[in-house]
Amino acid sequence: MGEEGEAWKWRRRLFAWEEDKVRECCDVLTNIVLQSNHSDRWIWPSHASNTYNVTSAYNHLLTPNSKILAATHSTEIWNKEVPLKISLFVWRLLGNRLPTTDNLIKRHILLPNAQF
């Protein structure tokens, strides 16, 4: 097992900033010990069930202490390390431009008594 990400295979030579990120990742993972008798799973701490769903992500983004809403500058929203689809989602969310039922009714795309 290599140190500093040496055991990983890359399709191309990493840029300097990517090498820094690999070192940061290795630093984070140094204290992680995997155990074969424990199952590994993702945990979403913003929901009581610890499972991810869009509603809990939306509610998390709307909380006053959310790091996303604290980003008042476009550099935080349009950070190159954030996937573009996430940046677009947050940008639309902050501008109240998500196609929610109430927004679609306000924009006269849906009728107020529309059934789903």
N, C-alpha and C. Protein backbone atom coordinates (compact mmCIF):
# COMPACT_ATOMS: atom_id res chain seq x y z
N MET A 1 0.84 -1.17 0.00
CA MET A 1 0.00 0.00 0.00
C MET A 1 0.89 1.23 0.00
N GLY A 2 0.69 2.12 -0.97
CA GLY A 2 1.53 3.30 -1.08
C GLY A 2 1.07 4.43 -0.18
N GLU A 3 1.99 5.30 0.12
CA GLU A 3 1.65 6.49 0.90
C GLU A 3 1.50 7.67 -0.04
N GLU A 4 0.83 8.71 0.43
CA GLU A 4 0.62 9.92 -0.36
C GLU A 4 -0.08 9.62 -1.69
N GLY A 5 -0.96 8.62 -1.71
CA GLY A 5 -1.73 8.31 -2.91
C GLY A 5 -0.97 7.54 -3.96
N GLU A 6 0.20 7.02 -3.65
CA GLU A 6 1.01 6.30 -4.63
C GLU A 6 0.36 5.00 -5.09
N ALA A 7 -0.51 4.42 -4.29
CA ALA A 7 -1.14 3.16 -4.65
C ALA A 7 -2.27 3.36 -5.66
N TRP A 8 -2.73 4.58 -5.82
CA TRP A 8 -3.82 4.86 -6.75
C TRP A 8 -3.27 5.00 -8.16
N LYS A 9 -4.06 4.58 -9.12
CA LYS A 9 -3.69 4.68 -10.54
C LYS A 9 -4.47 5.83 -11.16
N TRP A 10 -3.77 6.73 -11.82
CA TRP A 10 -4.40 7.89 -12.44
C TRP A 10 -4.33 7.74 -13.96
N ARG A 11 -5.33 8.22 -14.65
CA ARG A 11 -5.36 8.14 -16.11
C ARG A 11 -4.39 9.12 -16.75
N ARG A 12 -4.04 10.15 -16.04
CA ARG A 12 -3.11 11.16 -16.55
C ARG A 12 -2.28 11.67 -15.39
N ARG A 13 -1.26 12.43 -15.69
CA ARG A 13 -0.43 13.03 -14.65
C ARG A 13 -1.26 14.09 -13.94
N LEU A 14 -1.20 14.11 -12.61
CA LEU A 14 -1.99 15.06 -11.83
C LEU A 14 -1.38 16.45 -11.89
N PHE A 15 -2.25 17.46 -11.85
CA PHE A 15 -1.80 18.84 -11.74
C PHE A 15 -1.32 19.06 -10.30
N ALA A 16 -0.57 20.13 -10.08
CA ALA A 16 -0.03 20.41 -8.74
C ALA A 16 -1.14 20.55 -7.71
N TRP A 17 -2.22 21.25 -8.06
CA TRP A 17 -3.31 21.43 -7.10
C TRP A 17 -4.01 20.11 -6.81
N GLU A 18 -4.03 19.19 -7.79
CA GLU A 18 -4.63 17.88 -7.55
C GLU A 18 -3.74 17.04 -6.64
N GLU A 19 -2.43 17.17 -6.80
CA GLU A 19 -1.52 16.46 -5.91
C GLU A 19 -1.69 16.94 -4.48
N ASP A 20 -1.91 18.25 -4.31
CA ASP A 20 -2.17 18.80 -2.97
C ASP A 20 -3.45 18.20 -2.39
N LYS A 21 -4.48 18.05 -3.22
CA LYS A 21 -5.75 17.47 -2.76
C LYS A 21 -5.58 16.00 -2.38
N VAL A 22 -4.75 15.28 -3.12
CA VAL A 22 -4.49 13.87 -2.79
C VAL A 22 -3.81 13.80 -1.43
N ARG A 23 -2.83 14.68 -1.19
CA ARG A 23 -2.15 14.70 0.11
C ARG A 23 -3.15 15.03 1.23
N GLU A 24 -4.05 16.01 0.98
CA GLU A 24 -5.07 16.35 1.99
C GLU A 24 -5.97 15.15 2.26
N CYS A 25 -6.35 14.46 1.21
CA CYS A 25 -7.21 13.27 1.35
C CYS A 25 -6.49 12.20 2.16
N CYS A 26 -5.22 11.99 1.87
CA CYS A 26 -4.44 10.99 2.61
C CYS A 26 -4.34 11.37 4.09
N ASP A 27 -4.17 12.66 4.36
CA ASP A 27 -4.11 13.12 5.76
C ASP A 27 -5.42 12.82 6.48
N VAL A 28 -6.54 13.04 5.79
CA VAL A 28 -7.85 12.78 6.39
C VAL A 28 -8.04 11.28 6.64
N LEU A 29 -7.56 10.47 5.72
CA LEU A 29 -7.78 9.02 5.80
C LEU A 29 -6.78 8.28 6.68
N THR A 30 -5.74 8.95 7.16
CA THR A 30 -4.71 8.24 7.93
C THR A 30 -5.26 7.61 9.21
N ASN A 31 -6.23 8.23 9.83
CA ASN A 31 -6.76 7.71 11.09
C ASN A 31 -7.98 6.81 10.89
N ILE A 32 -8.35 6.55 9.66
CA ILE A 32 -9.51 5.70 9.37
C ILE A 32 -9.06 4.25 9.31
N VAL A 33 -9.74 3.42 10.09
CA VAL A 33 -9.42 1.99 10.10
C VAL A 33 -10.69 1.25 9.71
N LEU A 34 -10.61 0.52 8.61
CA LEU A 34 -11.75 -0.27 8.16
C LEU A 34 -11.72 -1.63 8.84
N GLN A 35 -12.90 -2.08 9.23
CA GLN A 35 -13.00 -3.36 9.91
C GLN A 35 -13.91 -4.28 9.10
N SER A 36 -13.46 -5.48 8.86
CA SER A 36 -14.20 -6.40 7.99
C SER A 36 -15.54 -6.83 8.59
N ASN A 37 -15.70 -6.76 9.90
CA ASN A 37 -16.95 -7.20 10.52
C ASN A 37 -17.99 -6.08 10.64
N HIS A 38 -17.69 -4.88 10.10
CA HIS A 38 -18.63 -3.77 10.11
C HIS A 38 -18.95 -3.37 8.68
N SER A 39 -20.23 -3.16 8.41
CA SER A 39 -20.60 -2.75 7.05
C SER A 39 -20.28 -1.26 6.86
N ASP A 40 -19.96 -0.91 5.64
CA ASP A 40 -19.62 0.44 5.28
C ASP A 40 -20.80 1.06 4.55
N ARG A 41 -21.22 2.26 4.96
CA ARG A 41 -22.34 2.91 4.29
C ARG A 41 -22.22 4.41 4.43
N TRP A 42 -22.88 5.11 3.52
CA TRP A 42 -22.93 6.57 3.57
C TRP A 42 -23.92 7.00 4.64
N ILE A 43 -23.61 8.11 5.32
CA ILE A 43 -24.52 8.67 6.33
C ILE A 43 -24.78 10.13 5.98
N TRP A 44 -26.05 10.51 5.95
CA TRP A 44 -26.47 11.88 5.71
C TRP A 44 -26.97 12.43 7.05
N PRO A 45 -26.13 13.21 7.76
CA PRO A 45 -26.48 13.65 9.10
C PRO A 45 -27.60 14.69 9.17
N SER A 46 -28.04 15.19 8.03
CA SER A 46 -29.09 16.22 8.03
C SER A 46 -30.49 15.64 8.05
N HIS A 47 -30.61 14.33 8.19
CA HIS A 47 -31.93 13.71 8.26
C HIS A 47 -31.92 12.69 9.40
N ALA A 48 -33.03 12.55 10.09
CA ALA A 48 -33.11 11.67 11.26
C ALA A 48 -32.77 10.21 10.92
N SER A 49 -33.10 9.78 9.70
CA SER A 49 -32.82 8.40 9.31
C SER A 49 -31.38 8.20 8.84
N ASN A 50 -30.61 9.27 8.77
CA ASN A 50 -29.23 9.25 8.25
C ASN A 50 -29.15 8.86 6.79
N THR A 51 -30.27 8.88 6.08
CA THR A 51 -30.26 8.60 4.65
C THR A 51 -30.57 9.88 3.89
N TYR A 52 -29.97 10.00 2.71
CA TYR A 52 -30.14 11.20 1.90
C TYR A 52 -31.46 11.19 1.18
N ASN A 53 -32.10 12.37 1.13
CA ASN A 53 -33.22 12.60 0.22
C ASN A 53 -33.21 14.08 -0.15
N VAL A 54 -33.82 14.40 -1.26
CA VAL A 54 -33.77 15.76 -1.78
C VAL A 54 -34.42 16.74 -0.82
N THR A 55 -35.49 16.34 -0.17
CA THR A 55 -36.18 17.23 0.76
C THR A 55 -35.26 17.62 1.91
N SER A 56 -34.52 16.66 2.46
CA SER A 56 -33.63 17.00 3.57
C SER A 56 -32.49 17.89 3.09
N ALA A 57 -32.00 17.68 1.87
CA ALA A 57 -30.95 18.55 1.33
C ALA A 57 -31.48 19.96 1.14
N TYR A 58 -32.69 20.08 0.62
CA TYR A 58 -33.31 21.39 0.42
C TYR A 58 -33.49 22.10 1.77
N ASN A 59 -34.01 21.38 2.75
CA ASN A 59 -34.20 21.97 4.09
C ASN A 59 -32.86 22.34 4.72
N HIS A 60 -31.85 21.53 4.50
CA HIS A 60 -30.52 21.84 5.03
C HIS A 60 -29.99 23.14 4.43
N LEU A 61 -30.20 23.32 3.14
CA LEU A 61 -29.73 24.54 2.48
C LEU A 61 -30.48 25.78 2.97
N LEU A 62 -31.70 25.60 3.44
CA LEU A 62 -32.49 26.74 3.91
C LEU A 62 -32.24 27.09 5.38
N THR A 63 -31.52 26.25 6.11
CA THR A 63 -31.26 26.55 7.51
C THR A 63 -30.32 27.74 7.62
N PRO A 64 -30.54 28.59 8.63
CA PRO A 64 -29.71 29.80 8.77
C PRO A 64 -28.22 29.52 8.93
N ASN A 65 -27.85 28.40 9.53
CA ASN A 65 -26.43 28.11 9.74
C ASN A 65 -25.81 27.33 8.59
N SER A 66 -26.53 27.19 7.48
CA SER A 66 -26.01 26.46 6.34
C SER A 66 -24.81 27.18 5.75
N LYS A 67 -23.75 26.42 5.48
CA LYS A 67 -22.55 27.01 4.90
C LYS A 67 -22.81 27.52 3.49
N ILE A 68 -23.75 26.90 2.78
CA ILE A 68 -24.05 27.32 1.42
C ILE A 68 -24.69 28.70 1.43
N LEU A 69 -25.68 28.90 2.30
CA LEU A 69 -26.33 30.20 2.34
C LEU A 69 -25.42 31.29 2.89
N ALA A 70 -24.44 30.90 3.69
CA ALA A 70 -23.50 31.88 4.21
C ALA A 70 -22.59 32.41 3.10
N ALA A 71 -22.52 31.69 2.00
CA ALA A 71 -21.68 32.13 0.88
C ALA A 71 -22.39 33.24 0.12
N THR A 72 -21.99 34.45 0.39
CA THR A 72 -22.62 35.59 -0.26
C THR A 72 -21.87 36.01 -1.52
N HIS A 73 -20.71 35.44 -1.73
CA HIS A 73 -19.92 35.78 -2.89
C HIS A 73 -19.98 34.67 -3.92
N SER A 74 -19.92 35.04 -5.16
CA SER A 74 -20.03 34.04 -6.22
C SER A 74 -18.85 33.07 -6.24
N THR A 75 -17.72 33.47 -5.65
CA THR A 75 -16.56 32.56 -5.65
C THR A 75 -16.85 31.30 -4.86
N GLU A 76 -17.66 31.39 -3.80
CA GLU A 76 -18.00 30.19 -3.03
C GLU A 76 -18.98 29.31 -3.79
N ILE A 77 -19.94 29.93 -4.45
CA ILE A 77 -20.95 29.15 -5.18
C ILE A 77 -20.34 28.53 -6.43
N TRP A 78 -19.51 29.27 -7.11
CA TRP A 78 -18.93 28.81 -8.38
C TRP A 78 -17.52 28.26 -8.20
N ASN A 79 -17.23 27.69 -7.05
CA ASN A 79 -15.93 27.10 -6.76
C ASN A 79 -15.65 25.97 -7.76
N LYS A 80 -14.42 25.92 -8.30
CA LYS A 80 -14.09 24.92 -9.31
C LYS A 80 -14.13 23.49 -8.78
N GLU A 81 -14.07 23.33 -7.47
CA GLU A 81 -14.08 21.99 -6.90
C GLU A 81 -15.51 21.48 -6.66
N VAL A 82 -16.50 22.36 -6.81
CA VAL A 82 -17.90 21.97 -6.66
C VAL A 82 -18.42 21.59 -8.04
N PRO A 83 -19.06 20.43 -8.18
CA PRO A 83 -19.60 20.06 -9.49
C PRO A 83 -20.56 21.12 -10.01
N LEU A 84 -20.52 21.34 -11.33
CA LEU A 84 -21.32 22.39 -11.95
C LEU A 84 -22.80 22.24 -11.64
N LYS A 85 -23.31 21.00 -11.66
CA LYS A 85 -24.75 20.81 -11.41
C LYS A 85 -25.12 21.25 -9.99
N ILE A 86 -24.20 21.11 -9.04
CA ILE A 86 -24.47 21.56 -7.67
C ILE A 86 -24.44 23.08 -7.61
N SER A 87 -23.48 23.70 -8.28
CA SER A 87 -23.42 25.16 -8.32
C SER A 87 -24.68 25.74 -8.93
N LEU A 88 -25.14 25.14 -10.03
CA LEU A 88 -26.36 25.61 -10.67
C LEU A 88 -27.57 25.43 -9.76
N PHE A 89 -27.64 24.29 -9.07
CA PHE A 89 -28.75 24.05 -8.15
C PHE A 89 -28.77 25.10 -7.05
N VAL A 90 -27.61 25.37 -6.43
CA VAL A 90 -27.55 26.35 -5.34
C VAL A 90 -27.87 27.74 -5.85
N TRP A 91 -27.36 28.08 -7.03
CA TRP A 91 -27.64 29.39 -7.62
C TRP A 91 -29.14 29.56 -7.87
N ARG A 92 -29.79 28.52 -8.40
CA ARG A 92 -31.24 28.58 -8.62
C ARG A 92 -31.99 28.61 -7.29
N LEU A 93 -31.51 27.85 -6.31
CA LEU A 93 -32.15 27.82 -4.99
C LEU A 93 -32.11 29.20 -4.34
N LEU A 94 -30.93 29.81 -4.33
CA LEU A 94 -30.80 31.12 -3.70
C LEU A 94 -31.59 32.20 -4.42
N GLY A 95 -31.80 32.02 -5.72
CA GLY A 95 -32.59 32.99 -6.48
C GLY A 95 -34.06 32.63 -6.53
N ASN A 96 -34.49 31.63 -5.76
CA ASN A 96 -35.87 31.16 -5.74
C ASN A 96 -36.34 30.81 -7.15
N ARG A 97 -35.50 30.12 -7.90
CA ARG A 97 -35.80 29.76 -9.28
C ARG A 97 -35.94 28.26 -9.50
N LEU A 98 -36.08 27.50 -8.44
CA LEU A 98 -36.31 26.07 -8.60
C LEU A 98 -37.75 25.83 -9.07
N PRO A 99 -37.97 24.85 -9.92
CA PRO A 99 -39.32 24.62 -10.43
C PRO A 99 -40.22 23.91 -9.42
N THR A 100 -40.40 24.53 -8.27
CA THR A 100 -41.32 23.97 -7.27
C THR A 100 -42.75 24.30 -7.69
N THR A 101 -43.70 23.62 -7.12
CA THR A 101 -45.10 23.84 -7.49
C THR A 101 -45.51 25.29 -7.29
N ASP A 102 -45.14 25.88 -6.15
CA ASP A 102 -45.55 27.28 -5.91
C ASP A 102 -44.88 28.23 -6.89
N ASN A 103 -43.63 27.99 -7.27
CA ASN A 103 -42.97 28.85 -8.26
C ASN A 103 -43.61 28.69 -9.64
N LEU A 104 -43.97 27.47 -10.00
CA LEU A 104 -44.61 27.25 -11.30
C LEU A 104 -45.99 27.88 -11.35
N ILE A 105 -46.70 27.89 -10.24
CA ILE A 105 -48.01 28.57 -10.19
C ILE A 105 -47.82 30.08 -10.29
N LYS A 106 -46.83 30.62 -9.55
CA LYS A 106 -46.55 32.07 -9.61
C LYS A 106 -46.22 32.53 -11.02
N ARG A 107 -45.55 31.68 -11.77
CA ARG A 107 -45.13 32.05 -13.13
C ARG A 107 -46.18 31.64 -14.18
N HIS A 108 -47.34 31.22 -13.72
CA HIS A 108 -48.48 30.86 -14.58
C HIS A 108 -48.15 29.70 -15.52
N ILE A 109 -47.29 28.80 -15.06
CA ILE A 109 -46.99 27.60 -15.84
C ILE A 109 -47.95 26.50 -15.44
N LEU A 110 -48.33 26.46 -14.15
CA LEU A 110 -49.35 25.53 -13.66
C LEU A 110 -50.56 26.32 -13.19
N LEU A 111 -51.69 25.69 -13.26
CA LEU A 111 -52.90 26.30 -12.70
C LEU A 111 -52.92 26.08 -11.21
N PRO A 112 -53.48 27.02 -10.44
CA PRO A 112 -53.48 26.88 -8.96
C PRO A 112 -54.15 25.61 -8.46
N ASN A 113 -55.10 25.08 -9.19
CA ASN A 113 -55.82 23.87 -8.72
C ASN A 113 -55.30 22.61 -9.40
N ALA A 114 -54.08 22.63 -9.89
CA ALA A 114 -53.52 21.46 -10.59
C ALA A 114 -53.39 20.28 -9.64
N GLN A 115 -53.76 19.10 -10.10
CA GLN A 115 -53.69 17.88 -9.32
C GLN A 115 -52.44 17.08 -9.72
N PHE A 116 -51.75 16.49 -8.74
CA PHE A 116 -50.57 15.68 -9.01
C PHE A 116 -50.77 14.29 -8.53
